Amino acid sequence: MDETTPDPVDRVLARADAHSGVRVFGAAQALQDAGTAAGGDTDGEQWDREERAALRRVPGLSTELEDVTEVEYRQLRLENVVLVGVHLQGATEDAENSLRELAALAETAGAVVLDGMLQRRPHPDPATYVGRGKAQELRDVVAALGADTVIADTELAPSQRRALEDVVKVKVIDRTTVILDIFSQHAKSREGKAQVELAQLEYLLPRLRGWGDSMSRQAGGQVGAGGAGMGSRGPGETKIELDRRRIRTRMAQLRRQIKEFGPAREAKRAERKRNTVPSVAIAGYTNAGKSSLLNRLTSAGVLVENALFATLDATVRRSQASDGRVYTLTDTVGFVRNLPHQLVEAFRSTLEEVADADVILHVVDASHPDPAAQLATVRDVIGDVGGRDIPEIVVFNKADLIDDDARLLLRGLEPRALFVSSRTGAGIDELRAAVEAALPLPAAEVTALVPYDRGDLISAAHETGIILEQAHEEGGTFLHARVGAHLAAQLAPYLVSR
C-alpha cells in the first residue's frame, strides 16, 4: 500500500458514526507489511513460493471500458468483494478483528476487498442474515462499487444464502467457502488434495441447488426413460438427487483413499517410537510464523509466504539436541477462528501429528491485535484432536514487531512464554534450550560393557539416549546411559554391575 494512501481502517472508523447501527469496513489489509515479511537467509530455495507467485497483478493493462482487470496467479480476473458481518452488543472489537481476518482470507484467495458492513443486532436474521432493510443497503453498496461477490463473516444456511442473493443480485458466499477455496489452491500433496476435496464435498452436499432443467425427472412417467416401458413408471429421480448420490459416492472413495495413506504415516511414526525419537509438533494460528520458525530451527527450506494457510501439508524435519539426542520437528496446518468442522474432520489424519507429539510448540503472532483469541482457538482444536494433556511451550513469534508495553501485556497473558523472532533469530537459542528441557527422558538406565564390534549400539545410544558415562576398556566400551526400552533390550546381554 502506498504511504500516501489513507489507512482504510482509519477511513472506516471515521465514517462509522454516520451509519446508525452499521460499521463499514474498508479495503482489506495484509497481516504484515512487506518490510517485515522477509524471511532472511533461513528459508531455503523457496521454489514453491516462486512458482506460486510466477504471475502477479499487472494493473493498467485492461482493454475494457472500465479498468478492472488485473492478473494474478491462477486467475485472470480478480473478484471485487464486499464483506458483511453481524455482531452482538458489546462485541464490536471481536467483530472488527474477525472482519479484518476475513479480509485477509479474501485477499489470500485472490480477491480485492472494496468495502464492508458490520451490523449490530441481537442475533442474525434467520431469513437474510442481516435483515431485509440492511440487505437492501448492502445491495446499494454493491451496485455503487461494482462488486462481484458478497462474503458473509459466518457460515450461512442455504436458505440465508439464497435469500440474500435474491436481494443483492450478486453471488453470496460465506467464510467457510473462502477458507475451502484457499485450501484448494494451496494443497500440494495427494493426501492434501484428497482431504480438501472431501471437505468441499461435505460442505456442498446440503447446499446443492436445482436450476431449470436440473429439477426435471430422469426416469418414470407413462413411457419411462428411453422407452423402458413396464417397470419404469413412477415419479423417477430428479437430477439433483443424482448429483447428491454422485457426491456421496465420491466422498466414500475419498475417505477410503485418505485411509490408505494412514499405514505409511503410521509406519514412519512407529519407527520413530521404536527408536524412542521424541517428536515436537509446531502448532499455531495461521500466519503466526510456524514454517519460518521451522526453517530457522532446522534450515528446512519449507515454503514461507505472507499469506493465510500458505502451507497445508505436514513437514517433518530432524534436529539434534545439545546432548546428542535426535528429535523431530513437525510443521502442521494452521488454525483460524471458526475453522470449518469439515476441515477439522478431513485433516484429522494430519492433525494426528499434534496428538501423537511429545511436546507441542504453540506459536502465537505477538503482533496480532488479539493474541488471546489465537491462543484459545488453537487450544480448542488441539483439545478436539486429543492433545490437551501434552506438554506445551507457548512461543510469541515476531517479537521484533512489538514494543515493551505490548511485551508486558503478553507476559501477563502467558507468564512462562518465550519471545522469539524467526526473521532476526532473536530468542532462538533460548527456545532450543526450552525444547530440549521439555523432551521426555529415556525410560531405562543401563550400565553395559559393549564389545567393539557392536559399535551400532553405542551410536544408537548417542542418537536416542543420554550418555552419563563412557570409557574405552580392554573388553569393550563401558557405557552408562539412559536409553529407550527397545535399545535397553538390545543392550541386555552386555549389562554389568559397577
Protein backbone atom coordinates (compact mmCIF):
# COMPACT_ATOMS: atom_id res chain seq x y z
CA MET A 1 0.00 0.00 0.00
CA ASP A 2 1.37 3.41 -0.96
CA GLU A 3 2.41 5.56 2.01
CA THR A 4 0.29 8.47 0.75
CA THR A 5 -2.89 6.35 0.69
CA PRO A 6 -5.05 6.90 3.80
CA ASP A 7 -5.27 3.95 6.14
CA PRO A 8 -8.55 2.22 5.18
CA VAL A 9 -9.24 1.32 8.79
CA ASP A 10 -8.95 4.98 9.86
CA ARG A 11 -11.23 5.92 6.98
CA VAL A 12 -13.72 3.30 8.07
CA LEU A 13 -13.75 4.33 11.71
CA ALA A 14 -14.17 7.97 10.72
CA ARG A 15 -17.25 7.04 8.70
CA ALA A 16 -18.72 4.78 11.36
CA ASP A 17 -20.73 7.41 13.21
CA ALA A 18 -22.58 8.33 10.03
CA HIS A 19 -24.12 4.86 9.82
CA SER A 20 -26.61 4.14 12.56
CA GLY A 21 -26.16 0.57 13.73
CA VAL A 22 -23.73 -0.16 10.89
CA ARG A 23 -19.94 -0.24 10.87
CA VAL A 24 -18.30 -0.02 7.44
CA PHE A 25 -15.04 -1.81 6.77
CA GLY A 26 -12.55 -0.55 4.24
CA ALA A 27 -10.23 -2.27 1.80
CA ALA A 28 -8.51 -5.36 3.16
CA GLN A 29 -5.10 -5.21 4.78
CA ALA A 30 -2.40 -7.86 4.80
CA LEU A 31 -1.44 -9.19 8.22
CA GLN A 32 2.13 -7.90 7.83
CA ASP A 33 3.70 -5.20 5.76
CA ALA A 34 6.18 -6.18 3.07
CA GLY A 35 9.15 -4.90 5.04
CA THR A 36 8.64 -7.28 7.93
CA ALA A 37 7.58 -10.32 5.92
CA ALA A 38 11.04 -11.12 4.52
CA GLY A 39 12.35 -14.43 5.73
CA GLY A 40 16.07 -13.73 5.59
CA ASP A 41 18.50 -16.43 4.57
CA THR A 42 16.93 -19.28 6.58
CA ASP A 43 14.06 -20.16 4.26
CA GLY A 44 15.92 -22.26 1.70
CA GLU A 45 15.48 -22.03 -2.05
CA GLN A 46 11.72 -21.33 -1.85
CA TRP A 47 10.98 -22.67 -5.34
CA ASP A 48 7.35 -23.30 -4.38
CA ARG A 49 6.84 -19.68 -3.46
CA GLU A 50 8.43 -18.51 -6.73
CA GLU A 51 6.15 -20.85 -8.69
CA ARG A 52 3.06 -19.69 -6.81
CA ALA A 53 3.95 -16.04 -7.42
CA ALA A 54 5.02 -16.50 -11.05
CA LEU A 55 2.05 -14.44 -12.27
CA ARG A 56 1.40 -11.30 -10.30
CA ARG A 57 -1.02 -8.42 -10.63
CA VAL A 58 -0.36 -6.10 -13.56
CA PRO A 59 -2.74 -3.14 -13.24
CA GLY A 60 -3.50 -0.76 -16.06
CA LEU A 61 -3.47 -3.24 -18.95
CA SER A 62 -7.22 -3.61 -19.37
CA THR A 63 -8.89 -3.27 -22.76
CA GLU A 64 -12.33 -2.95 -21.18
CA LEU A 65 -14.21 0.33 -20.79
CA GLU A 66 -13.51 0.23 -17.05
CA ASP A 67 -10.03 -0.72 -15.94
CA VAL A 68 -10.95 -3.53 -13.57
CA THR A 69 -8.94 -6.47 -14.92
CA GLU A 70 -5.69 -7.48 -13.30
CA VAL A 71 -3.58 -10.62 -13.48
CA GLU A 72 -2.80 -12.83 -10.53
CA TYR A 73 -1.63 -16.40 -10.16
CA ARG A 74 -4.31 -18.89 -11.21
CA GLN A 75 -6.80 -16.13 -12.01
CA LEU A 76 -7.20 -13.77 -14.95
CA ARG A 77 -9.75 -11.55 -13.26
CA LEU A 78 -9.80 -10.68 -9.59
CA GLU A 79 -13.14 -10.72 -7.84
CA ASN A 80 -14.19 -7.48 -6.23
CA VAL A 81 -15.85 -8.33 -2.94
CA VAL A 82 -17.80 -6.62 -0.16
CA LEU A 83 -17.74 -8.06 3.36
CA VAL A 84 -20.69 -8.21 5.75
CA GLY A 85 -20.84 -9.25 9.40
CA VAL A 86 -23.19 -9.24 12.38
CA HIS A 87 -22.11 -8.74 15.98
CA LEU A 88 -23.82 -8.63 19.37
CA GLN A 89 -23.98 -5.64 21.67
CA GLY A 90 -20.55 -5.08 23.22
CA ALA A 91 -18.70 -7.44 20.87
CA THR A 92 -17.58 -4.72 18.47
CA GLU A 93 -13.83 -5.26 18.86
CA ASP A 94 -14.07 -9.02 18.31
CA ALA A 95 -16.27 -8.46 15.27
CA GLU A 96 -13.80 -5.97 13.79
CA ASN A 97 -10.88 -8.38 14.30
CA SER A 98 -12.90 -11.18 12.71
CA LEU A 99 -13.77 -8.99 9.73
CA ARG A 100 -10.12 -7.95 9.30
CA GLU A 101 -9.23 -11.61 9.27
CA LEU A 102 -11.94 -12.30 6.70
CA ALA A 103 -10.46 -9.51 4.55
CA ALA A 104 -7.04 -11.17 4.73
CA LEU A 105 -8.63 -14.51 3.83
CA ALA A 106 -10.31 -12.93 0.81
CA GLU A 107 -7.01 -11.37 -0.30
CA THR A 108 -5.25 -14.71 0.05
CA ALA A 109 -7.98 -16.34 -2.06
CA GLY A 110 -7.28 -13.79 -4.83
CA ALA A 111 -9.95 -11.13 -4.33
CA VAL A 112 -9.92 -7.36 -3.87
CA VAL A 113 -11.86 -6.17 -0.84
CA LEU A 114 -13.69 -2.96 -1.71
CA ASP A 115 -15.78 -2.31 1.39
CA GLY A 116 -17.87 -3.97 4.05
CA MET A 117 -20.58 -3.60 6.65
CA LEU A 118 -20.85 -4.59 10.30
CA GLN A 119 -24.34 -4.65 11.73
CA ARG A 120 -25.16 -4.70 15.43
CA ARG A 121 -28.19 -6.83 16.25
CA PRO A 122 -29.14 -9.39 18.94
CA HIS A 123 -28.84 -12.33 16.56
CA PRO A 124 -28.51 -12.87 12.79
CA ASP A 125 -31.70 -12.65 10.80
CA PRO A 126 -32.89 -16.20 10.00
CA ALA A 127 -34.01 -15.14 6.51
CA THR A 128 -31.28 -12.88 5.07
CA TYR A 129 -28.62 -12.88 7.86
CA VAL A 130 -28.65 -9.06 8.12
CA GLY A 131 -32.36 -8.30 7.81
CA ARG A 132 -34.31 -7.07 4.82
CA GLY A 133 -33.53 -3.37 5.31
CA LYS A 134 -29.79 -3.82 5.74
CA ALA A 135 -29.77 -6.27 2.84
CA GLN A 136 -31.13 -3.50 0.62
CA GLU A 137 -28.44 -1.12 1.94
CA LEU A 138 -25.86 -3.79 1.11
CA ARG A 139 -27.35 -4.06 -2.40
CA ASP A 140 -26.85 -0.31 -2.88
CA VAL A 141 -23.21 -0.53 -1.71
CA VAL A 142 -22.55 -3.46 -4.07
CA ALA A 143 -24.11 -1.63 -7.01
CA ALA A 144 -22.20 1.60 -6.30
CA LEU A 145 -18.83 -0.14 -6.06
CA GLY A 146 -19.38 -2.62 -8.89
CA ALA A 147 -18.66 -5.62 -6.67
CA ASP A 148 -18.96 -9.18 -7.94
CA THR A 149 -19.38 -11.02 -4.65
CA VAL A 150 -20.59 -10.58 -1.07
CA ILE A 151 -18.78 -12.55 1.65
CA ALA A 152 -20.54 -13.14 4.98
CA ASP A 153 -18.42 -13.49 8.12
CA THR A 154 -20.13 -16.68 9.23
CA GLU A 155 -21.35 -19.99 7.82
CA LEU A 156 -24.62 -19.20 6.08
CA ALA A 157 -27.55 -21.58 5.94
CA PRO A 158 -28.56 -22.48 2.35
CA SER A 159 -31.82 -20.54 2.73
CA GLN A 160 -29.99 -17.42 4.01
CA ARG A 161 -27.59 -17.53 1.11
CA ARG A 162 -30.38 -17.79 -1.48
CA ALA A 163 -32.47 -15.05 0.13
CA LEU A 164 -29.50 -12.66 0.38
CA GLU A 165 -28.57 -13.35 -3.26
CA ASP A 166 -32.11 -12.53 -4.31
CA VAL A 167 -31.75 -9.10 -2.70
CA VAL A 168 -28.18 -8.05 -3.55
CA LYS A 169 -28.28 -9.57 -7.07
CA VAL A 170 -24.67 -10.85 -6.96
CA LYS A 171 -23.02 -14.06 -5.77
CA VAL A 172 -23.05 -14.56 -2.00
CA ILE A 173 -20.58 -16.84 -0.25
CA ASP A 174 -19.58 -17.31 3.38
CA ARG A 175 -16.40 -17.56 5.43
CA THR A 176 -16.25 -21.34 5.12
CA THR A 177 -16.32 -21.16 1.32
CA VAL A 178 -13.36 -18.76 1.29
CA ILE A 179 -11.28 -20.99 3.59
CA LEU A 180 -12.07 -24.06 1.50
CA ASP A 181 -11.06 -22.17 -1.65
CA ILE A 182 -7.69 -21.21 -0.13
CA PHE A 183 -7.08 -24.81 0.90
CA SER A 184 -7.94 -25.96 -2.61
CA GLN A 185 -5.40 -23.51 -4.11
CA HIS A 186 -2.56 -24.38 -1.72
CA ALA A 187 -2.90 -28.17 -1.40
CA LYS A 188 0.13 -29.85 -3.00
CA SER A 189 0.32 -33.49 -1.94
CA ARG A 190 -2.11 -36.22 -2.99
CA GLU A 191 -3.31 -36.58 0.59
CA GLY A 192 -3.78 -32.84 0.99
CA LYS A 193 -5.78 -32.58 -2.23
CA ALA A 194 -7.97 -35.52 -1.21
CA GLN A 195 -8.60 -34.01 2.23
CA VAL A 196 -9.59 -30.65 0.75
CA GLU A 197 -11.90 -32.23 -1.84
CA LEU A 198 -13.61 -34.27 0.88
CA ALA A 199 -14.18 -31.11 2.96
CA GLN A 200 -15.55 -29.26 -0.06
CA LEU A 201 -17.99 -32.05 -0.92
CA GLU A 202 -19.17 -32.30 2.70
CA TYR A 203 -19.88 -28.58 2.61
CA LEU A 204 -21.55 -28.71 -0.82
CA LEU A 205 -23.86 -31.68 -0.22
CA PRO A 206 -26.59 -29.88 1.77
CA ARG A 207 -26.27 -26.78 -0.44
CA LEU A 208 -27.00 -28.22 -3.87
CA ARG A 209 -29.44 -26.19 -5.89
CA GLY A 210 -31.55 -27.09 -8.88
CA TRP A 211 -31.80 -24.68 -11.83
CA GLY A 212 -34.42 -25.11 -14.57
CA ASP A 213 -33.95 -28.48 -16.25
CA SER A 214 -31.82 -29.65 -13.33
CA MET A 215 -35.06 -30.31 -11.45
CA SER A 216 -36.53 -32.48 -14.23
CA ARG A 217 -37.11 -36.17 -13.75
CA GLN A 218 -34.60 -38.63 -15.15
CA ALA A 219 -36.95 -41.61 -15.33
CA GLY A 220 -40.57 -42.61 -14.82
CA GLY A 221 -43.74 -41.32 -16.38
CA GLN A 222 -46.12 -43.12 -18.71
CA VAL A 223 -43.48 -44.31 -21.17
CA GLY A 224 -40.38 -44.28 -18.99
CA ALA A 225 -36.88 -43.16 -19.74
CA GLY A 226 -35.75 -44.17 -23.21
CA GLY A 227 -38.92 -46.17 -23.82
CA ALA A 228 -38.20 -48.52 -20.93
CA GLY A 229 -41.85 -49.47 -20.68
CA MET A 230 -43.21 -51.60 -17.85
CA GLY A 231 -41.47 -51.31 -14.51
CA SER A 232 -40.26 -47.78 -15.21
CA ARG A 233 -43.45 -45.90 -14.37
CA GLY A 234 -43.43 -43.62 -11.35
CA PRO A 235 -42.04 -40.29 -10.24
CA GLY A 236 -38.45 -41.17 -11.13
CA GLU A 237 -35.34 -39.48 -9.80
CA THR A 238 -34.51 -35.81 -10.21
CA LYS A 239 -31.18 -34.52 -11.45
CA ILE A 240 -30.38 -33.02 -8.04
CA GLU A 241 -30.89 -36.43 -6.41
CA LEU A 242 -28.48 -37.96 -8.91
CA ASP A 243 -25.94 -35.25 -8.03
CA ARG A 244 -26.31 -35.97 -4.33
CA ARG A 245 -25.74 -39.67 -4.95
CA ARG A 246 -22.62 -38.96 -7.03
CA ILE A 247 -21.27 -36.70 -4.28
CA ARG A 248 -21.85 -39.35 -1.61
CA THR A 249 -20.12 -41.95 -3.80
CA ARG A 250 -17.13 -39.65 -4.35
CA MET A 251 -16.94 -38.87 -0.63
CA ALA A 252 -16.80 -42.59 0.16
CA GLN A 253 -13.97 -43.00 -2.37
CA LEU A 254 -12.03 -40.10 -0.84
CA ARG A 255 -12.44 -41.47 2.69
CA ARG A 256 -11.04 -44.81 1.55
CA GLN A 257 -8.19 -43.05 -0.25
CA ILE A 258 -7.29 -40.96 2.82
CA LYS A 259 -7.47 -44.09 4.96
CA GLU A 260 -4.97 -45.79 2.63
CA PHE A 261 -2.43 -43.05 3.35
CA GLY A 262 -2.57 -43.94 7.03
CA PRO A 263 -0.37 -47.08 7.12
CA ALA A 264 2.65 -45.32 5.60
CA ARG A 265 2.38 -42.48 8.10
CA GLU A 266 1.82 -44.93 10.94
CA ALA A 267 4.88 -46.94 9.88
CA LYS A 268 7.09 -43.85 10.00
CA ARG A 269 5.62 -42.84 13.34
CA ALA A 270 6.06 -46.36 14.75
CA GLU A 271 9.69 -46.41 13.63
CA ARG A 272 10.34 -43.16 15.49
CA LYS A 273 8.62 -44.54 18.59
CA ARG A 274 10.53 -47.83 18.38
CA ASN A 275 13.79 -45.92 18.27
CA THR A 276 12.48 -43.58 21.01
CA VAL A 277 12.87 -40.49 18.82
CA PRO A 278 10.89 -37.72 20.57
CA SER A 279 8.64 -35.57 18.41
CA VAL A 280 7.87 -31.86 18.72
CA ALA A 281 4.78 -30.55 16.87
CA ILE A 282 4.71 -26.88 15.84
CA ALA A 283 1.08 -25.78 16.09
CA GLY A 284 -0.50 -22.37 15.97
CA TYR A 285 -2.70 -19.84 14.24
CA THR A 286 -2.34 -19.37 10.50
CA ASN A 287 0.36 -16.87 9.52
CA ALA A 288 1.84 -16.93 13.04
CA GLY A 289 5.21 -17.93 11.55
CA LYS A 290 5.30 -21.71 12.11
CA SER A 291 7.08 -22.52 8.85
CA SER A 292 9.52 -19.63 9.33
CA LEU A 293 10.31 -20.93 12.82
CA LEU A 294 10.86 -24.46 11.49
CA ASN A 295 13.22 -23.07 8.86
CA ARG A 296 15.10 -21.08 11.50
CA LEU A 297 15.46 -24.12 13.76
CA THR A 298 16.37 -26.70 11.09
CA SER A 299 17.08 -24.84 7.78
CA ALA A 300 14.25 -26.93 6.33
CA GLY A 301 13.51 -24.71 3.32
CA VAL A 302 9.73 -25.01 3.81
CA LEU A 303 7.62 -22.57 1.79
CA VAL A 304 7.13 -19.27 3.64
CA GLU A 305 4.69 -16.63 2.41
CA ASN A 306 2.89 -13.66 3.95
CA ALA A 307 -0.50 -15.28 3.40
CA LEU A 308 -3.01 -17.33 5.34
CA PHE A 309 -2.71 -21.12 5.06
CA ALA A 310 0.41 -20.85 2.86
CA THR A 311 1.41 -24.42 3.82
CA LEU A 312 -1.04 -27.26 4.43
CA ASP A 313 0.96 -30.49 4.34
CA ALA A 314 2.74 -31.64 7.48
CA THR A 315 6.53 -31.37 7.18
CA VAL A 316 8.83 -33.43 9.46
CA ARG A 317 12.47 -32.44 9.94
CA ARG A 318 15.24 -33.97 12.04
CA SER A 319 17.04 -31.97 14.71
CA GLN A 320 19.64 -32.73 17.36
CA ALA A 321 19.82 -31.62 20.98
CA SER A 322 23.00 -30.36 22.61
CA ASP A 323 23.42 -33.70 24.44
CA GLY A 324 23.37 -35.56 21.10
CA ARG A 325 19.79 -36.84 21.21
CA VAL A 326 17.85 -36.78 17.95
CA TYR A 327 14.28 -35.47 17.83
CA THR A 328 11.85 -34.44 15.11
CA LEU A 329 10.10 -31.13 14.47
CA THR A 330 6.76 -31.25 12.62
CA ASP A 331 5.16 -28.23 10.94
CA THR A 332 1.38 -28.64 10.93
CA VAL A 333 -1.53 -26.89 9.21
CA GLY A 334 -2.51 -23.55 10.76
CA PHE A 335 -5.77 -22.86 12.54
CA VAL A 336 -8.20 -19.96 12.31
CA ARG A 337 -11.21 -18.82 14.30
CA ASN A 338 -14.41 -20.60 13.25
CA LEU A 339 -12.37 -23.22 11.42
CA PRO A 340 -14.90 -25.23 9.38
CA HIS A 341 -15.63 -28.53 11.07
CA GLN A 342 -15.42 -30.19 7.64
CA LEU A 343 -11.73 -29.29 7.53
CA VAL A 344 -11.10 -30.48 11.08
CA GLU A 345 -12.58 -33.85 10.17
CA ALA A 346 -10.87 -34.08 6.76
CA PHE A 347 -7.46 -33.09 8.18
CA ARG A 348 -7.80 -35.25 11.27
CA SER A 349 -5.13 -37.62 9.92
CA THR A 350 -2.72 -34.70 9.55
CA LEU A 351 -3.62 -33.32 12.97
CA GLU A 352 -2.71 -36.70 14.46
CA GLU A 353 0.88 -35.43 14.32
CA VAL A 354 -0.11 -32.99 17.06
CA ALA A 355 -1.95 -35.59 19.14
CA ASP A 356 0.99 -38.04 18.97
CA ALA A 357 3.71 -35.48 19.74
CA ASP A 358 5.73 -35.47 22.96
CA VAL A 359 5.84 -31.67 23.07
CA ILE A 360 3.66 -29.02 21.39
CA LEU A 361 5.36 -25.81 20.32
CA HIS A 362 2.41 -23.39 20.34
CA VAL A 363 3.34 -20.44 18.12
CA VAL A 364 1.43 -17.16 18.58
CA ASP A 365 1.75 -14.00 16.50
CA ALA A 366 2.92 -11.40 19.04
CA SER A 367 1.96 -8.54 16.70
CA HIS A 368 -1.62 -9.75 16.21
CA PRO A 369 -4.31 -7.44 17.66
CA ASP A 370 -5.98 -10.31 19.54
CA PRO A 371 -3.39 -12.91 20.66
CA ALA A 372 -5.71 -14.22 23.41
CA ALA A 373 -8.22 -15.34 20.77
CA GLN A 374 -5.40 -17.06 18.87
CA LEU A 375 -4.40 -18.99 21.98
CA ALA A 376 -7.98 -20.04 22.72
CA THR A 377 -8.71 -21.07 19.12
CA VAL A 378 -5.61 -23.25 18.78
CA ARG A 379 -6.10 -24.88 22.18
CA ASP A 380 -9.70 -25.73 21.30
CA VAL A 381 -8.61 -27.55 18.14
CA ILE A 382 -5.74 -29.29 19.96
CA GLY A 383 -8.27 -30.49 22.52
CA ASP A 384 -10.59 -31.73 19.77
CA VAL A 385 -7.87 -34.00 18.36
CA GLY A 386 -6.87 -35.36 21.81
CA GLY A 387 -3.73 -33.35 22.55
CA ARG A 388 -4.87 -31.39 25.58
CA ASP A 389 -2.61 -33.24 28.05
CA ILE A 390 0.60 -32.93 26.00
CA PRO A 391 3.26 -30.55 27.44
CA GLU A 392 3.02 -27.16 25.74
CA ILE A 393 5.59 -24.42 25.14
CA VAL A 394 3.99 -21.11 24.18
CA VAL A 395 6.14 -19.04 21.81
CA PHE A 396 5.34 -15.46 20.87
CA ASN A 397 6.83 -15.07 17.40
CA LYS A 398 7.50 -11.78 15.57
CA ALA A 399 8.78 -10.24 18.81
CA ASP A 400 10.74 -7.71 16.75
CA LEU A 401 7.43 -6.05 15.77
CA ILE A 402 6.23 -5.19 19.31
CA ASP A 403 7.32 -2.68 21.93
CA ASP A 404 7.99 -3.18 25.65
CA ASP A 405 4.41 -2.35 26.66
CA ALA A 406 2.99 -5.00 24.34
CA ARG A 407 5.57 -7.48 25.59
CA LEU A 408 4.46 -6.79 29.17
CA LEU A 409 0.82 -7.43 28.27
CA LEU A 410 1.71 -10.70 26.54
CA ARG A 411 3.79 -11.73 29.55
CA GLY A 412 0.70 -11.25 31.69
CA LEU A 413 -1.27 -13.43 29.26
CA GLU A 414 1.29 -16.27 29.36
CA PRO A 415 3.90 -15.77 32.14
CA ARG A 416 6.14 -18.66 31.04
CA ALA A 417 6.02 -17.92 27.32
CA LEU A 418 9.14 -17.31 25.21
CA PHE A 419 9.63 -14.38 22.84
CA VAL A 420 11.40 -15.08 19.55
CA SER A 421 11.78 -13.63 16.09
CA SER A 422 12.14 -16.13 13.27
CA ARG A 423 13.17 -13.24 11.00
CA THR A 424 16.06 -11.89 13.11
CA GLY A 425 16.88 -15.04 15.09
CA ALA A 426 16.35 -13.37 18.48
CA GLY A 427 15.42 -15.84 21.22
CA ILE A 428 16.04 -18.94 19.09
CA ASP A 429 18.78 -20.28 21.39
CA GLU A 430 16.51 -19.95 24.43
CA LEU A 431 13.77 -21.74 22.50
CA ARG A 432 16.09 -24.63 21.61
CA ALA A 433 17.08 -24.97 25.27
CA ALA A 434 13.42 -24.98 26.37
CA VAL A 435 12.53 -27.65 23.79
CA GLU A 436 15.44 -29.85 24.89
CA ALA A 437 14.45 -29.48 28.54
CA ALA A 438 10.86 -30.50 27.72
CA LEU A 439 11.81 -33.64 25.77
CA PRO A 440 10.95 -36.83 27.67
CA LEU A 441 13.85 -38.68 29.25
CA PRO A 442 14.59 -42.23 28.03
CA ALA A 443 12.91 -44.79 30.24
CA ALA A 444 15.74 -47.17 31.14
CA GLU A 445 19.10 -46.55 32.82
CA VAL A 446 21.71 -49.15 31.80
CA THR A 447 25.34 -49.95 32.63
CA ALA A 448 26.94 -52.16 29.99
CA LEU A 449 30.28 -53.25 28.56
CA VAL A 450 29.63 -53.29 24.82
CA PRO A 451 32.04 -55.22 22.53
CA TYR A 452 33.87 -53.14 19.99
CA ASP A 453 32.15 -54.98 17.12
CA ARG A 454 28.78 -53.63 18.33
CA GLY A 455 29.51 -50.01 17.66
CA ASP A 456 25.99 -49.67 16.25
CA LEU A 457 24.62 -49.90 19.81
CA ILE A 458 26.95 -47.15 21.00
CA SER A 459 25.91 -44.99 18.05
CA ALA A 460 22.22 -45.59 18.78
CA ALA A 461 22.74 -44.68 22.43
CA HIS A 462 24.31 -41.38 21.38
CA GLU A 463 21.46 -40.59 18.99
CA THR A 464 18.45 -41.57 21.09
CA GLY A 465 19.73 -41.68 24.68
CA ILE A 466 21.57 -39.61 27.25
CA ILE A 467 25.19 -40.64 27.87
CA LEU A 468 26.07 -40.41 31.56
CA GLU A 469 29.50 -42.02 31.34
CA GLN A 470 31.56 -43.66 28.63
CA ALA A 471 35.04 -45.19 28.64
CA HIS A 472 37.08 -47.44 26.34
CA GLU A 473 38.37 -50.55 28.13
CA GLU A 474 40.14 -53.72 27.12
CA GLY A 475 36.94 -55.76 26.79
CA GLY A 476 34.90 -53.11 25.00
CA THR A 477 33.22 -49.76 25.53
CA PHE A 478 31.90 -49.11 29.01
CA LEU A 479 28.55 -47.33 28.75
CA HIS A 480 26.40 -45.80 31.45
CA ALA A 481 23.38 -44.17 29.83
CA ARG A 482 19.64 -43.64 29.80
CA VAL A 483 18.10 -45.27 26.73
CA GLY A 484 14.71 -46.33 25.40
CA ALA A 485 13.13 -49.69 26.10
CA HIS A 486 13.96 -51.10 22.64
CA LEU A 487 17.67 -50.24 22.90
CA ALA A 488 17.77 -51.42 26.52
CA ALA A 489 16.62 -54.86 25.34
CA GLN A 490 19.43 -54.95 22.77
CA LEU A 491 21.99 -53.98 25.44
CA ALA A 492 20.70 -56.62 27.92
CA PRO A 493 23.34 -59.28 27.04
CA TYR A 494 26.15 -56.84 27.85
CA LEU A 495 24.92 -55.47 31.19
CA VAL A 496 27.44 -55.26 34.02
CA SER A 497 27.23 -54.13 37.65
CA ARG A 498 29.65 -51.47 38.88
